[in-house]
Amino acid sequence: MTSLASDTQPRPRSPRLELDALELDTWGVVFCGGQSLRMGRDKARLELDGRPLLSRAVETLQTIAPRVLLASGERERYGELELECVLDAEPGCGPLSGLAAVLERARAAGVSWVLVLACDMPYADARVFEALLARARTGAHDAVLLATPSGVEPLFAVYHVRVLGALRSALARGERRMNSFHADVRLATLSLAELGDDPLLRAAACNLNTPQEFTAEGGVLN
């Protein structure tokens, strides 16, 4: 299987994105610390169209964020990428703990916004993140999540570091659900329908959790 490192060099930014300076106060984070239990193997390394899923996610965020980190769970992983790994704030608490650690890291660096993407969403599009961030900024929201017919996607979202207090309170209560702090912050959603009829955008929320889902998209399991 192809090395991840060879597939994650930053792509050239478009002139528009350079002019927008999107966004010096924004980092990107790929969540890749799960156990991939339903897939039965490390899905971050699975290749689709010759590119590992993790590579695709990193590249998407690198087009719009000046820095991309990995939320790698309870241990550092994928060292060949030479990207900073952020470890869970509280081991055994799942992605909610990972999000807390990510926001803590961003706040310590003076970064306000974090673009969050799960590694198993191979068709994620940078334009969706632009729309999420624009809605967050113009609406003075603390977080904006992508909404799909299957529900909201907490790992295809933008969060401001000010949600950290509510998130930590949820963890202290023993919560593990990603929506456990939503009632305590100013949250909004952005639906795929609002993004227009571009089929590339409509496919952005596709996520691959099982071997059946992966092979249905043309992936090959060795």
N, C-alpha and C. Protein backbone atom coordinates (compact mmCIF):
# COMPACT_ATOMS: atom_id res chain seq x y z
N MET A 1 0.85 -1.19 0.00
CA MET A 1 0.00 0.00 0.00
C MET A 1 0.88 1.24 0.00
N THR A 2 0.49 2.26 -0.71
CA THR A 2 1.29 3.46 -0.86
C THR A 2 1.52 4.16 0.46
N SER A 3 2.73 4.71 0.63
CA SER A 3 3.02 5.46 1.84
C SER A 3 2.14 6.70 1.91
N LEU A 4 1.66 7.01 3.10
CA LEU A 4 0.85 8.20 3.28
C LEU A 4 1.66 9.45 3.00
N ALA A 5 2.93 9.42 3.35
CA ALA A 5 3.73 10.63 3.26
C ALA A 5 3.81 11.15 1.83
N SER A 6 3.83 10.28 0.86
CA SER A 6 3.98 10.70 -0.52
C SER A 6 2.74 11.37 -1.05
N ASP A 7 1.63 11.27 -0.34
CA ASP A 7 0.36 11.76 -0.85
C ASP A 7 -0.16 12.98 -0.12
N THR A 8 0.64 13.56 0.75
CA THR A 8 0.09 14.62 1.59
C THR A 8 0.84 15.94 1.47
N GLN A 9 1.54 16.15 0.37
CA GLN A 9 2.17 17.44 0.17
C GLN A 9 1.07 18.47 -0.11
N PRO A 10 1.18 19.67 0.50
CA PRO A 10 0.13 20.66 0.30
C PRO A 10 -0.05 20.99 -1.17
N ARG A 11 -1.29 21.06 -1.60
CA ARG A 11 -1.58 21.45 -2.96
C ARG A 11 -1.47 22.96 -3.10
N PRO A 12 -1.16 23.46 -4.31
CA PRO A 12 -1.12 24.92 -4.49
C PRO A 12 -2.46 25.54 -4.15
N ARG A 13 -2.43 26.65 -3.47
CA ARG A 13 -3.66 27.35 -3.13
C ARG A 13 -4.15 28.14 -4.34
N SER A 14 -5.44 28.26 -4.46
CA SER A 14 -5.99 29.06 -5.54
C SER A 14 -5.73 30.53 -5.24
N PRO A 15 -5.65 31.38 -6.28
CA PRO A 15 -5.43 32.81 -6.03
C PRO A 15 -6.47 33.40 -5.09
N ARG A 16 -7.75 32.95 -5.22
CA ARG A 16 -8.79 33.50 -4.38
C ARG A 16 -8.54 33.19 -2.91
N LEU A 17 -8.13 31.94 -2.64
CA LEU A 17 -7.89 31.57 -1.26
C LEU A 17 -6.69 32.33 -0.69
N GLU A 18 -5.69 32.58 -1.51
CA GLU A 18 -4.54 33.35 -1.03
C GLU A 18 -4.99 34.76 -0.65
N LEU A 19 -5.82 35.38 -1.49
CA LEU A 19 -6.26 36.73 -1.21
C LEU A 19 -7.15 36.79 0.02
N ASP A 20 -7.97 35.75 0.19
CA ASP A 20 -8.85 35.71 1.35
C ASP A 20 -8.08 35.50 2.65
N ALA A 21 -6.85 34.97 2.53
CA ALA A 21 -6.06 34.61 3.72
C ALA A 21 -6.89 33.75 4.64
N LEU A 22 -7.54 32.76 4.07
CA LEU A 22 -8.41 31.86 4.85
C LEU A 22 -7.58 30.79 5.51
N GLU A 23 -7.54 30.79 6.66
CA GLU A 23 -7.88 31.84 7.61
C GLU A 23 -6.75 31.80 8.61
N LEU A 24 -6.06 32.88 8.80
CA LEU A 24 -4.90 32.85 9.66
C LEU A 24 -5.27 32.53 11.10
N ASP A 25 -6.52 32.71 11.46
CA ASP A 25 -6.95 32.37 12.82
C ASP A 25 -7.67 31.02 12.84
N THR A 26 -7.41 30.18 11.83
CA THR A 26 -8.11 28.91 11.69
C THR A 26 -7.14 27.77 11.42
N TRP A 27 -7.28 26.68 12.15
CA TRP A 27 -6.52 25.46 11.89
C TRP A 27 -7.46 24.37 11.40
N GLY A 28 -6.89 23.39 10.72
CA GLY A 28 -7.63 22.20 10.34
C GLY A 28 -7.17 21.02 11.17
N VAL A 29 -8.09 20.12 11.50
CA VAL A 29 -7.75 18.93 12.26
C VAL A 29 -8.48 17.73 11.66
N VAL A 30 -7.71 16.68 11.35
CA VAL A 30 -8.30 15.44 10.87
C VAL A 30 -8.39 14.46 12.03
N PHE A 31 -9.59 13.94 12.28
CA PHE A 31 -9.79 12.94 13.33
C PHE A 31 -9.50 11.55 12.76
N CYS A 32 -8.49 10.92 13.33
CA CYS A 32 -8.04 9.62 12.82
C CYS A 32 -7.61 8.71 13.96
N GLY A 33 -8.24 8.86 15.11
CA GLY A 33 -7.83 8.09 16.28
C GLY A 33 -8.75 6.95 16.64
N GLY A 34 -9.75 6.69 15.80
CA GLY A 34 -10.69 5.62 16.11
C GLY A 34 -10.09 4.24 15.92
N GLN A 35 -10.78 3.24 16.42
CA GLN A 35 -10.29 1.86 16.32
C GLN A 35 -10.73 1.15 15.04
N SER A 36 -11.57 1.82 14.23
CA SER A 36 -12.03 1.25 12.96
C SER A 36 -12.63 -0.14 13.15
N LEU A 37 -13.42 -0.32 14.20
CA LEU A 37 -13.95 -1.64 14.53
C LEU A 37 -14.87 -2.16 13.43
N ARG A 38 -15.72 -1.31 12.89
CA ARG A 38 -16.64 -1.77 11.86
C ARG A 38 -15.92 -2.07 10.54
N MET A 39 -14.83 -1.37 10.28
CA MET A 39 -14.07 -1.62 9.06
C MET A 39 -13.19 -2.86 9.20
N GLY A 40 -12.76 -3.15 10.43
CA GLY A 40 -11.93 -4.33 10.66
C GLY A 40 -10.47 -4.13 10.37
N ARG A 41 -10.08 -2.91 10.06
CA ARG A 41 -8.68 -2.56 9.79
C ARG A 41 -8.57 -1.04 9.85
N ASP A 42 -7.35 -0.53 9.85
CA ASP A 42 -7.14 0.91 9.96
C ASP A 42 -7.64 1.59 8.70
N LYS A 43 -8.82 2.21 8.78
CA LYS A 43 -9.40 2.78 7.57
C LYS A 43 -8.64 4.02 7.08
N ALA A 44 -7.90 4.67 7.96
CA ALA A 44 -7.14 5.85 7.52
C ALA A 44 -6.14 5.50 6.42
N ARG A 45 -5.67 4.26 6.43
CA ARG A 45 -4.67 3.85 5.44
C ARG A 45 -5.27 3.20 4.20
N LEU A 46 -6.57 2.96 4.20
CA LEU A 46 -7.20 2.38 3.02
C LEU A 46 -7.14 3.34 1.85
N GLU A 47 -6.91 2.82 0.66
CA GLU A 47 -6.76 3.65 -0.52
C GLU A 47 -8.04 3.65 -1.35
N LEU A 48 -8.41 4.83 -1.80
CA LEU A 48 -9.50 5.02 -2.73
C LEU A 48 -8.96 5.84 -3.89
N ASP A 49 -9.09 5.32 -5.09
CA ASP A 49 -8.50 5.96 -6.27
C ASP A 49 -7.00 6.20 -6.09
N GLY A 50 -6.34 5.24 -5.44
CA GLY A 50 -4.89 5.30 -5.29
C GLY A 50 -4.39 6.21 -4.20
N ARG A 51 -5.28 6.78 -3.39
CA ARG A 51 -4.86 7.70 -2.33
C ARG A 51 -5.46 7.27 -1.01
N PRO A 52 -4.64 7.17 0.05
CA PRO A 52 -5.17 6.81 1.37
C PRO A 52 -6.22 7.81 1.84
N LEU A 53 -7.21 7.31 2.57
CA LEU A 53 -8.27 8.18 3.05
C LEU A 53 -7.73 9.32 3.90
N LEU A 54 -6.73 9.03 4.72
CA LEU A 54 -6.17 10.09 5.55
C LEU A 54 -5.52 11.16 4.70
N SER A 55 -4.83 10.77 3.65
CA SER A 55 -4.20 11.73 2.75
C SER A 55 -5.23 12.67 2.14
N ARG A 56 -6.33 12.09 1.71
CA ARG A 56 -7.37 12.91 1.08
C ARG A 56 -7.91 13.95 2.05
N ALA A 57 -8.12 13.55 3.31
CA ALA A 57 -8.64 14.48 4.31
C ALA A 57 -7.65 15.59 4.60
N VAL A 58 -6.39 15.21 4.77
CA VAL A 58 -5.35 16.21 5.05
C VAL A 58 -5.25 17.21 3.90
N GLU A 59 -5.25 16.74 2.69
CA GLU A 59 -5.13 17.62 1.54
C GLU A 59 -6.30 18.59 1.45
N THR A 60 -7.50 18.12 1.74
CA THR A 60 -8.66 19.00 1.71
C THR A 60 -8.49 20.18 2.66
N LEU A 61 -8.05 19.89 3.88
CA LEU A 61 -7.89 20.97 4.85
C LEU A 61 -6.68 21.85 4.55
N GLN A 62 -5.65 21.27 3.96
CA GLN A 62 -4.46 22.06 3.66
C GLN A 62 -4.73 23.14 2.60
N THR A 63 -5.77 22.99 1.82
CA THR A 63 -6.06 24.01 0.82
C THR A 63 -6.65 25.27 1.43
N ILE A 64 -7.16 25.19 2.68
CA ILE A 64 -7.82 26.35 3.26
C ILE A 64 -7.33 26.73 4.65
N ALA A 65 -6.49 25.92 5.25
CA ALA A 65 -5.99 26.22 6.59
C ALA A 65 -4.47 26.26 6.56
N PRO A 66 -3.86 27.22 7.23
CA PRO A 66 -2.40 27.32 7.22
C PRO A 66 -1.70 26.21 7.97
N ARG A 67 -2.45 25.49 8.83
CA ARG A 67 -1.85 24.39 9.58
C ARG A 67 -2.89 23.30 9.78
N VAL A 68 -2.46 22.05 9.60
CA VAL A 68 -3.34 20.91 9.79
C VAL A 68 -2.71 19.97 10.81
N LEU A 69 -3.51 19.54 11.79
CA LEU A 69 -3.07 18.62 12.83
C LEU A 69 -3.87 17.32 12.72
N LEU A 70 -3.41 16.32 13.44
CA LEU A 70 -4.11 15.05 13.52
C LEU A 70 -4.62 14.82 14.93
N ALA A 71 -5.90 14.55 15.08
CA ALA A 71 -6.45 14.12 16.36
C ALA A 71 -6.36 12.60 16.36
N SER A 72 -5.29 12.09 16.93
CA SER A 72 -4.92 10.68 16.73
C SER A 72 -5.29 9.77 17.89
N GLY A 73 -6.20 10.22 18.75
CA GLY A 73 -6.66 9.35 19.83
C GLY A 73 -5.74 9.37 21.03
N GLU A 74 -5.39 8.20 21.52
CA GLU A 74 -4.63 8.09 22.75
C GLU A 74 -3.13 7.94 22.53
N ARG A 75 -2.71 7.88 21.27
CA ARG A 75 -1.27 7.77 20.98
C ARG A 75 -0.95 8.46 19.66
N GLU A 76 0.30 8.81 19.50
CA GLU A 76 0.72 9.42 18.25
C GLU A 76 0.74 8.37 17.15
N ARG A 77 0.30 8.76 15.98
CA ARG A 77 0.22 7.85 14.85
C ARG A 77 0.62 8.59 13.57
N TYR A 78 0.92 7.83 12.55
CA TYR A 78 1.19 8.38 11.21
C TYR A 78 2.34 9.39 11.23
N GLY A 79 3.42 9.00 11.90
CA GLY A 79 4.57 9.90 12.02
C GLY A 79 5.19 10.26 10.70
N GLU A 80 4.99 9.41 9.68
CA GLU A 80 5.57 9.71 8.37
C GLU A 80 4.98 10.97 7.74
N LEU A 81 3.83 11.41 8.23
CA LEU A 81 3.23 12.62 7.69
C LEU A 81 3.89 13.89 8.22
N GLU A 82 4.60 13.75 9.33
CA GLU A 82 5.27 14.89 9.97
C GLU A 82 4.26 15.99 10.32
N LEU A 83 3.09 15.56 10.79
CA LEU A 83 2.07 16.49 11.28
C LEU A 83 1.93 16.30 12.79
N GLU A 84 1.66 17.39 13.49
CA GLU A 84 1.49 17.31 14.93
C GLU A 84 0.28 16.47 15.29
N CYS A 85 0.46 15.55 16.22
CA CYS A 85 -0.65 14.76 16.75
C CYS A 85 -1.13 15.37 18.05
N VAL A 86 -2.44 15.49 18.19
CA VAL A 86 -3.05 15.96 19.42
C VAL A 86 -3.73 14.77 20.08
N LEU A 87 -3.34 14.46 21.30
CA LEU A 87 -3.87 13.28 21.99
C LEU A 87 -5.10 13.63 22.80
N ASP A 88 -5.98 12.64 22.98
CA ASP A 88 -7.22 12.84 23.72
C ASP A 88 -6.95 13.46 25.09
N ALA A 89 -7.81 14.39 25.47
CA ALA A 89 -7.68 15.02 26.78
C ALA A 89 -7.89 14.02 27.90
N GLU A 90 -8.84 13.11 27.72
CA GLU A 90 -9.14 12.08 28.71
C GLU A 90 -9.24 10.74 27.98
N PRO A 91 -8.29 9.85 28.18
CA PRO A 91 -8.31 8.56 27.48
C PRO A 91 -9.61 7.80 27.72
N GLY A 92 -10.05 7.11 26.68
CA GLY A 92 -11.23 6.28 26.80
C GLY A 92 -12.54 7.01 26.64
N CYS A 93 -12.51 8.28 26.30
CA CYS A 93 -13.74 9.07 26.19
C CYS A 93 -14.13 9.37 24.75
N GLY A 94 -13.41 8.81 23.79
CA GLY A 94 -13.80 8.94 22.40
C GLY A 94 -13.53 10.31 21.80
N PRO A 95 -14.18 10.60 20.67
CA PRO A 95 -13.89 11.84 19.95
C PRO A 95 -14.26 13.10 20.70
N LEU A 96 -15.18 13.02 21.66
CA LEU A 96 -15.50 14.21 22.46
C LEU A 96 -14.25 14.68 23.21
N SER A 97 -13.49 13.73 23.73
CA SER A 97 -12.24 14.06 24.41
C SER A 97 -11.21 14.57 23.43
N GLY A 98 -11.21 14.00 22.23
CA GLY A 98 -10.29 14.48 21.20
C GLY A 98 -10.58 15.91 20.81
N LEU A 99 -11.86 16.25 20.71
CA LEU A 99 -12.22 17.62 20.36
C LEU A 99 -11.80 18.59 21.46
N ALA A 100 -11.94 18.18 22.71
CA ALA A 100 -11.50 19.04 23.81
C ALA A 100 -10.00 19.31 23.71
N ALA A 101 -9.23 18.29 23.43
CA ALA A 101 -7.78 18.45 23.33
C ALA A 101 -7.41 19.36 22.15
N VAL A 102 -8.09 19.19 21.04
CA VAL A 102 -7.84 20.00 19.86
C VAL A 102 -8.12 21.48 20.14
N LEU A 103 -9.23 21.76 20.77
CA LEU A 103 -9.58 23.15 21.06
C LEU A 103 -8.64 23.76 22.09
N GLU A 104 -8.20 22.95 23.05
CA GLU A 104 -7.23 23.43 24.02
C GLU A 104 -5.92 23.80 23.33
N ARG A 105 -5.49 22.95 22.41
CA ARG A 105 -4.25 23.21 21.67
C ARG A 105 -4.37 24.48 20.83
N ALA A 106 -5.50 24.64 20.17
CA ALA A 106 -5.70 25.83 19.35
C ALA A 106 -5.72 27.09 20.19
N ARG A 107 -6.45 27.04 21.29
CA ARG A 107 -6.53 28.22 22.16
C ARG A 107 -5.16 28.61 22.69
N ALA A 108 -4.34 27.63 23.04
CA ALA A 108 -3.00 27.92 23.55
C ALA A 108 -2.14 28.62 22.50
N ALA A 109 -2.44 28.36 21.22
CA ALA A 109 -1.68 28.97 20.14
C ALA A 109 -2.29 30.27 19.64
N GLY A 110 -3.38 30.70 20.27
CA GLY A 110 -4.03 31.93 19.85
C GLY A 110 -4.89 31.76 18.61
N VAL A 111 -5.27 30.54 18.29
CA VAL A 111 -6.12 30.25 17.14
C VAL A 111 -7.57 30.20 17.59
N SER A 112 -8.46 30.81 16.82
CA SER A 112 -9.86 30.94 17.23
C SER A 112 -10.75 29.82 16.72
N TRP A 113 -10.53 29.37 15.49
CA TRP A 113 -11.44 28.44 14.84
C TRP A 113 -10.72 27.15 14.46
N VAL A 114 -11.44 26.04 14.54
CA VAL A 114 -10.90 24.74 14.14
C VAL A 114 -11.87 24.10 13.15
N LEU A 115 -11.34 23.73 12.00
CA LEU A 115 -12.10 22.98 11.00
C LEU A 115 -11.86 21.50 11.27
N VAL A 116 -12.92 20.76 11.51
CA VAL A 116 -12.82 19.36 11.92
C VAL A 116 -13.33 18.46 10.80
N LEU A 117 -12.55 17.42 10.48
CA LEU A 117 -12.94 16.48 9.44
C LEU A 117 -12.54 15.07 9.85
N ALA A 118 -13.47 14.13 9.73
CA ALA A 118 -13.15 12.72 9.97
C ALA A 118 -12.38 12.17 8.78
N CYS A 119 -11.48 11.23 9.04
CA CYS A 119 -10.64 10.71 7.97
C CYS A 119 -11.39 9.81 7.00
N ASP A 120 -12.61 9.41 7.35
CA ASP A 120 -13.34 8.46 6.51
C ASP A 120 -14.35 9.13 5.59
N MET A 121 -14.15 10.42 5.30
CA MET A 121 -15.06 11.17 4.42
C MET A 121 -14.27 11.59 3.17
N PRO A 122 -14.13 10.68 2.21
CA PRO A 122 -13.19 10.90 1.10
C PRO A 122 -13.57 11.98 0.11
N TYR A 123 -14.84 12.41 0.12
CA TYR A 123 -15.27 13.41 -0.85
C TYR A 123 -15.48 14.78 -0.22
N ALA A 124 -14.95 14.97 0.96
CA ALA A 124 -15.04 16.28 1.60
C ALA A 124 -14.47 17.35 0.68
N ASP A 125 -15.14 18.47 0.65
CA ASP A 125 -14.78 19.54 -0.28
C ASP A 125 -14.47 20.81 0.50
N ALA A 126 -13.38 21.46 0.14
CA ALA A 126 -12.97 22.67 0.85
C ALA A 126 -14.05 23.75 0.80
N ARG A 127 -14.85 23.76 -0.28
CA ARG A 127 -15.89 24.78 -0.40
C ARG A 127 -16.95 24.63 0.69
N VAL A 128 -17.16 23.41 1.15
CA VAL A 128 -18.12 23.22 2.24
C VAL A 128 -17.58 23.86 3.52
N PHE A 129 -16.30 23.69 3.77
CA PHE A 129 -15.72 24.31 4.96
C PHE A 129 -15.75 25.83 4.86
N GLU A 130 -15.54 26.36 3.67
CA GLU A 130 -15.66 27.81 3.51
C GLU A 130 -17.05 28.28 3.90
N ALA A 131 -18.06 27.53 3.46
CA ALA A 131 -19.45 27.90 3.77
C ALA A 131 -19.75 27.75 5.26
N LEU A 132 -19.24 26.70 5.88
CA LEU A 132 -19.43 26.52 7.32
C LEU A 132 -18.81 27.67 8.10
N LEU A 133 -17.60 28.02 7.74
CA LEU A 133 -16.90 29.09 8.46
C LEU A 133 -17.57 30.43 8.22
N ALA A 134 -18.04 30.67 7.00
CA ALA A 134 -18.72 31.93 6.71
C ALA A 134 -19.99 32.05 7.54
N ARG A 135 -20.74 30.96 7.66
CA ARG A 135 -21.96 31.01 8.48
C ARG A 135 -21.61 31.25 9.94
N ALA A 136 -20.56 30.63 10.43
CA ALA A 136 -20.17 30.82 11.82
C ALA A 136 -19.78 32.27 12.09
N ARG A 137 -19.02 32.85 11.19
CA ARG A 137 -18.55 34.22 11.41
C ARG A 137 -19.69 35.23 11.29
N THR A 138 -20.49 35.13 10.26
CA THR A 138 -21.53 36.12 10.03
C THR A 138 -22.67 35.98 11.02
N GLY A 139 -22.89 34.78 11.52
CA GLY A 139 -23.99 34.57 12.46
C GLY A 139 -23.59 34.58 13.90
N ALA A 140 -22.31 34.86 14.17
CA ALA A 140 -21.79 34.87 15.55
C ALA A 140 -22.08 33.55 16.25
N HIS A 141 -21.93 32.45 15.53
CA HIS A 141 -22.15 31.13 16.10
C HIS A 141 -20.86 30.60 16.73
N ASP A 142 -21.02 29.69 17.69
CA ASP A 142 -19.88 29.03 18.30
C ASP A 142 -19.45 27.80 17.51
N ALA A 143 -20.40 27.20 16.80
CA ALA A 143 -20.11 26.00 16.02
C ALA A 143 -21.14 25.90 14.91
N VAL A 144 -20.70 25.40 13.76
CA VAL A 144 -21.61 25.12 12.64
C VAL A 144 -21.28 23.73 12.12
N LEU A 145 -22.29 22.87 12.07
CA LEU A 145 -22.12 21.48 11.65
C LEU A 145 -22.82 21.25 10.32
N LEU A 146 -22.26 20.38 9.52
CA LEU A 146 -22.90 20.01 8.27
C LEU A 146 -24.08 19.10 8.57
N ALA A 147 -25.23 19.43 7.99
CA ALA A 147 -26.44 18.63 8.16
C ALA A 147 -26.72 17.84 6.90
N THR A 148 -27.00 16.56 7.06
CA THR A 148 -27.27 15.67 5.94
C THR A 148 -28.60 14.97 6.19
N PRO A 149 -29.13 14.28 5.19
CA PRO A 149 -30.38 13.52 5.42
C PRO A 149 -30.26 12.50 6.55
N SER A 150 -29.04 12.08 6.87
CA SER A 150 -28.83 11.10 7.95
C SER A 150 -28.63 11.75 9.30
N GLY A 151 -28.55 13.08 9.33
CA GLY A 151 -28.32 13.78 10.58
C GLY A 151 -27.13 14.73 10.47
N VAL A 152 -26.81 15.39 11.57
CA VAL A 152 -25.68 16.32 11.56
C VAL A 152 -24.38 15.54 11.70
N GLU A 153 -23.31 16.15 11.18
CA GLU A 153 -21.99 15.53 11.20
C GLU A 153 -21.06 16.32 12.12
N PRO A 154 -20.90 15.90 13.37
CA PRO A 154 -20.04 16.65 14.29
C PRO A 154 -18.56 16.61 13.92
N LEU A 155 -18.18 15.69 13.02
CA LEU A 155 -16.80 15.64 12.56
C LEU A 155 -16.67 16.14 11.12
N PHE A 156 -17.64 16.93 10.70
CA PHE A 156 -17.54 17.74 9.48
C PHE A 156 -18.12 19.08 9.88
N ALA A 157 -17.31 19.89 10.55
CA ALA A 157 -17.83 21.05 11.25
C ALA A 157 -16.73 22.06 11.51
N VAL A 158 -17.16 23.22 11.98
CA VAL A 158 -16.23 24.25 12.43
C VAL A 158 -16.62 24.63 13.85
N TYR A 159 -15.60 24.72 14.72
CA TYR A 159 -15.83 25.05 16.13
C TYR A 159 -14.95 26.24 16.53
N HIS A 160 -15.51 27.13 17.34
CA HIS A 160 -14.72 28.19 17.96
C HIS A 160 -14.20 27.68 19.29
N VAL A 161 -13.04 28.15 19.69
CA VAL A 161 -12.45 27.66 20.94
C VAL A 161 -13.28 28.03 22.16
N ARG A 162 -14.21 28.97 22.02
CA ARG A 162 -15.02 29.34 23.19
C ARG A 162 -16.00 28.23 23.60
N VAL A 163 -16.18 27.18 22.78
CA VAL A 163 -17.05 26.07 23.21
C VAL A 163 -16.33 25.17 24.20
N LEU A 164 -15.05 25.41 24.43
CA LEU A 164 -14.27 24.50 25.25
C LEU A 164 -14.84 24.35 26.66
N GLY A 165 -15.31 25.44 27.25
CA GLY A 165 -15.86 25.36 28.60
C GLY A 165 -17.06 24.42 28.68
N ALA A 166 -17.98 24.57 27.74
CA ALA A 166 -19.16 23.71 27.72
C ALA A 166 -18.79 22.27 27.46
N LEU A 167 -17.80 22.08 26.61
CA LEU A 167 -17.37 20.72 26.28
C LEU A 167 -16.73 20.05 27.49
N ARG A 168 -15.91 20.77 28.19
CA ARG A 168 -15.26 20.20 29.37
C ARG A 168 -16.28 19.90 30.47
N SER A 169 -17.29 20.73 30.58
CA SER A 169 -18.35 20.46 31.56
C SER A 169 -19.08 19.18 31.22
N ALA A 170 -19.29 18.96 29.93
CA ALA A 170 -19.95 17.72 29.50
C ALA A 170 -19.10 16.50 29.84
N LEU A 171 -17.81 16.59 29.61
CA LEU A 171 -16.92 15.49 29.95
C LEU A 171 -16.92 15.24 31.46
N ALA A 172 -16.95 16.30 32.24
CA ALA A 172 -16.95 16.16 33.69
C ALA A 172 -18.22 15.48 34.19
N ARG A 173 -19.31 15.63 33.43
CA ARG A 173 -20.56 14.96 33.79
C ARG A 173 -20.57 13.49 33.36
N GLY A 174 -19.51 13.08 32.69
CA GLY A 174 -19.45 11.70 32.22
C GLY A 174 -20.03 11.51 30.84
N GLU A 175 -20.29 12.60 30.14
CA GLU A 175 -20.85 12.50 28.79
C GLU A 175 -19.80 11.99 27.81
N ARG A 176 -20.28 11.28 26.80
CA ARG A 176 -19.40 10.81 25.73
C ARG A 176 -19.96 11.16 24.35
N ARG A 177 -21.22 11.55 24.30
CA ARG A 177 -21.85 11.86 23.02
C ARG A 177 -21.33 13.19 22.47
N MET A 178 -21.12 13.26 21.17
CA MET A 178 -20.57 14.46 20.56
C MET A 178 -21.53 15.64 20.64
N ASN A 179 -22.82 15.38 20.83
CA ASN A 179 -23.78 16.48 20.91
C ASN A 179 -24.12 16.87 22.35
N SER A 180 -23.37 16.35 23.30
CA SER A 180 -23.71 16.53 24.72
C SER A 180 -23.55 17.96 25.21
N PHE A 181 -22.83 18.79 24.48
CA PHE A 181 -22.63 20.18 24.91
C PHE A 181 -23.36 21.16 24.01
N HIS A 182 -24.06 20.68 23.01
CA HIS A 182 -24.66 21.56 22.01
C HIS A 182 -25.67 22.52 22.59
N ALA A 183 -26.42 22.10 23.59
CA ALA A 183 -27.45 22.97 24.18
C ALA A 183 -26.85 24.16 24.89
N ASP A 184 -25.55 24.10 25.19
CA ASP A 184 -24.91 25.15 25.97
C ASP A 184 -24.09 26.11 25.12
N VAL A 185 -24.14 25.97 23.79
CA VAL A 185 -23.39 26.86 22.91
C VAL A 185 -24.32 27.36 21.81
N ARG A 186 -23.85 28.38 21.09
CA ARG A 186 -24.62 28.91 19.96
C ARG A 186 -24.26 28.08 18.73
N LEU A 187 -25.14 27.17 18.39
CA LEU A 187 -24.86 26.20 17.34
C LEU A 187 -25.80 26.40 16.17
N ALA A 188 -25.26 26.21 14.97
CA ALA A 188 -26.06 26.27 13.75
C ALA A 188 -25.66 25.11 12.85
N THR A 189 -26.46 24.88 11.83
CA THR A 189 -26.14 23.84 10.86
C THR A 189 -26.17 24.43 9.45
N LEU A 190 -25.55 23.72 8.54
CA LEU A 190 -25.57 24.05 7.12
C LEU A 190 -25.95 22.78 6.38
N SER A 191 -27.00 22.82 5.61
CA SER A 191 -27.45 21.62 4.92
C SER A 191 -26.81 21.49 3.56
N LEU A 192 -26.69 20.27 3.10
CA LEU A 192 -26.16 20.03 1.76
C LEU A 192 -27.02 20.71 0.71
N ALA A 193 -28.33 20.76 0.95
CA ALA A 193 -29.23 21.37 -0.03
C ALA A 193 -28.92 22.84 -0.25
N GLU A 194 -28.39 23.51 0.77
CA GLU A 194 -28.06 24.94 0.65
C GLU A 194 -26.84 25.18 -0.22
N LEU A 195 -26.09 24.14 -0.51
CA LEU A 195 -24.84 24.31 -1.24
C LEU A 195 -25.02 24.24 -2.75
N GLY A 196 -26.24 24.01 -3.21
CA GLY A 196 -26.49 23.98 -4.64
C GLY A 196 -26.54 22.57 -5.20
N ASP A 197 -26.51 22.48 -6.52
CA ASP A 197 -26.71 21.20 -7.20
C ASP A 197 -25.42 20.53 -7.67
N ASP A 198 -24.28 21.10 -7.33
CA ASP A 198 -23.01 20.50 -7.74
C ASP A 198 -22.92 19.10 -7.12
N PRO A 199 -22.82 18.04 -7.94
CA PRO A 199 -22.76 16.68 -7.39
C PRO A 199 -21.55 16.45 -6.51
N LEU A 200 -20.46 17.17 -6.75
CA LEU A 200 -19.28 17.02 -5.90
C LEU A 200 -19.56 17.49 -4.48
N LEU A 201 -20.33 18.58 -4.37
CA LEU A 201 -20.69 19.08 -3.05
C LEU A 201 -21.72 18.17 -2.38
N ARG A 202 -22.64 17.65 -3.17
CA ARG A 202 -23.67 16.78 -2.61
C ARG A 202 -23.07 15.49 -2.05
N ALA A 203 -21.93 15.08 -2.58
CA ALA A 203 -21.28 13.85 -2.12
C ALA A 203 -20.35 14.08 -0.94
N ALA A 204 -20.20 15.33 -0.52
CA ALA A 204 -19.16 15.67 0.46
C ALA A 204 -19.32 14.94 1.78
N ALA A 205 -20.55 14.61 2.16
CA ALA A 205 -20.78 14.01 3.48
C ALA A 205 -20.72 12.50 3.48
N CYS A 206 -20.41 11.89 2.35
CA CYS A 206 -20.30 10.43 2.31
C CYS A 206 -19.19 9.97 3.24
N ASN A 207 -19.52 9.05 4.16
CA ASN A 207 -18.47 8.50 5.02
C ASN A 207 -18.46 6.98 4.92
N LEU A 208 -17.28 6.41 5.08
CA LEU A 208 -17.05 4.99 4.85
C LEU A 208 -16.66 4.32 6.16
N ASN A 209 -17.61 3.60 6.75
CA ASN A 209 -17.37 2.97 8.05
C ASN A 209 -17.21 1.46 7.97
N THR A 210 -17.74 0.85 6.91
CA THR A 210 -17.75 -0.60 6.82
C THR A 210 -17.09 -1.06 5.53
N PRO A 211 -16.66 -2.32 5.46
CA PRO A 211 -16.10 -2.84 4.20
C PRO A 211 -17.09 -2.71 3.05
N GLN A 212 -18.38 -2.90 3.32
CA GLN A 212 -19.37 -2.79 2.26
C GLN A 212 -19.44 -1.37 1.70
N GLU A 213 -19.41 -0.39 2.58
CA GLU A 213 -19.44 1.00 2.13
C GLU A 213 -18.18 1.34 1.34
N PHE A 214 -17.05 0.82 1.78
CA PHE A 214 -15.79 1.12 1.11
C PHE A 214 -15.75 0.49 -0.29
N THR A 215 -16.11 -0.75 -0.40
CA THR A 215 -16.07 -1.42 -1.70
C THR A 215 -17.13 -0.87 -2.64
N ALA A 216 -18.26 -0.39 -2.09
CA ALA A 216 -19.30 0.21 -2.94
C ALA A 216 -18.79 1.46 -3.65
N GLU A 217 -17.79 2.12 -3.06
CA GLU A 217 -17.20 3.31 -3.68
C GLU A 217 -16.02 2.97 -4.58
N GLY A 218 -15.78 1.68 -4.81
CA GLY A 218 -14.70 1.28 -5.69
C GLY A 218 -13.41 0.93 -4.98
N GLY A 219 -13.43 0.94 -3.65
CA GLY A 219 -12.22 0.58 -2.91
C GLY A 219 -12.00 -0.92 -2.94
N VAL A 220 -10.74 -1.31 -2.80
CA VAL A 220 -10.36 -2.72 -2.81
C VAL A 220 -9.72 -3.06 -1.48
N LEU A 221 -10.26 -4.08 -0.82
CA LEU A 221 -9.71 -4.54 0.45
C LEU A 221 -8.81 -5.74 0.18
N ASN A 222 -7.53 -5.60 0.54
CA ASN A 222 -6.57 -6.70 0.32
C ASN A 222 -6.57 -7.68 1.50
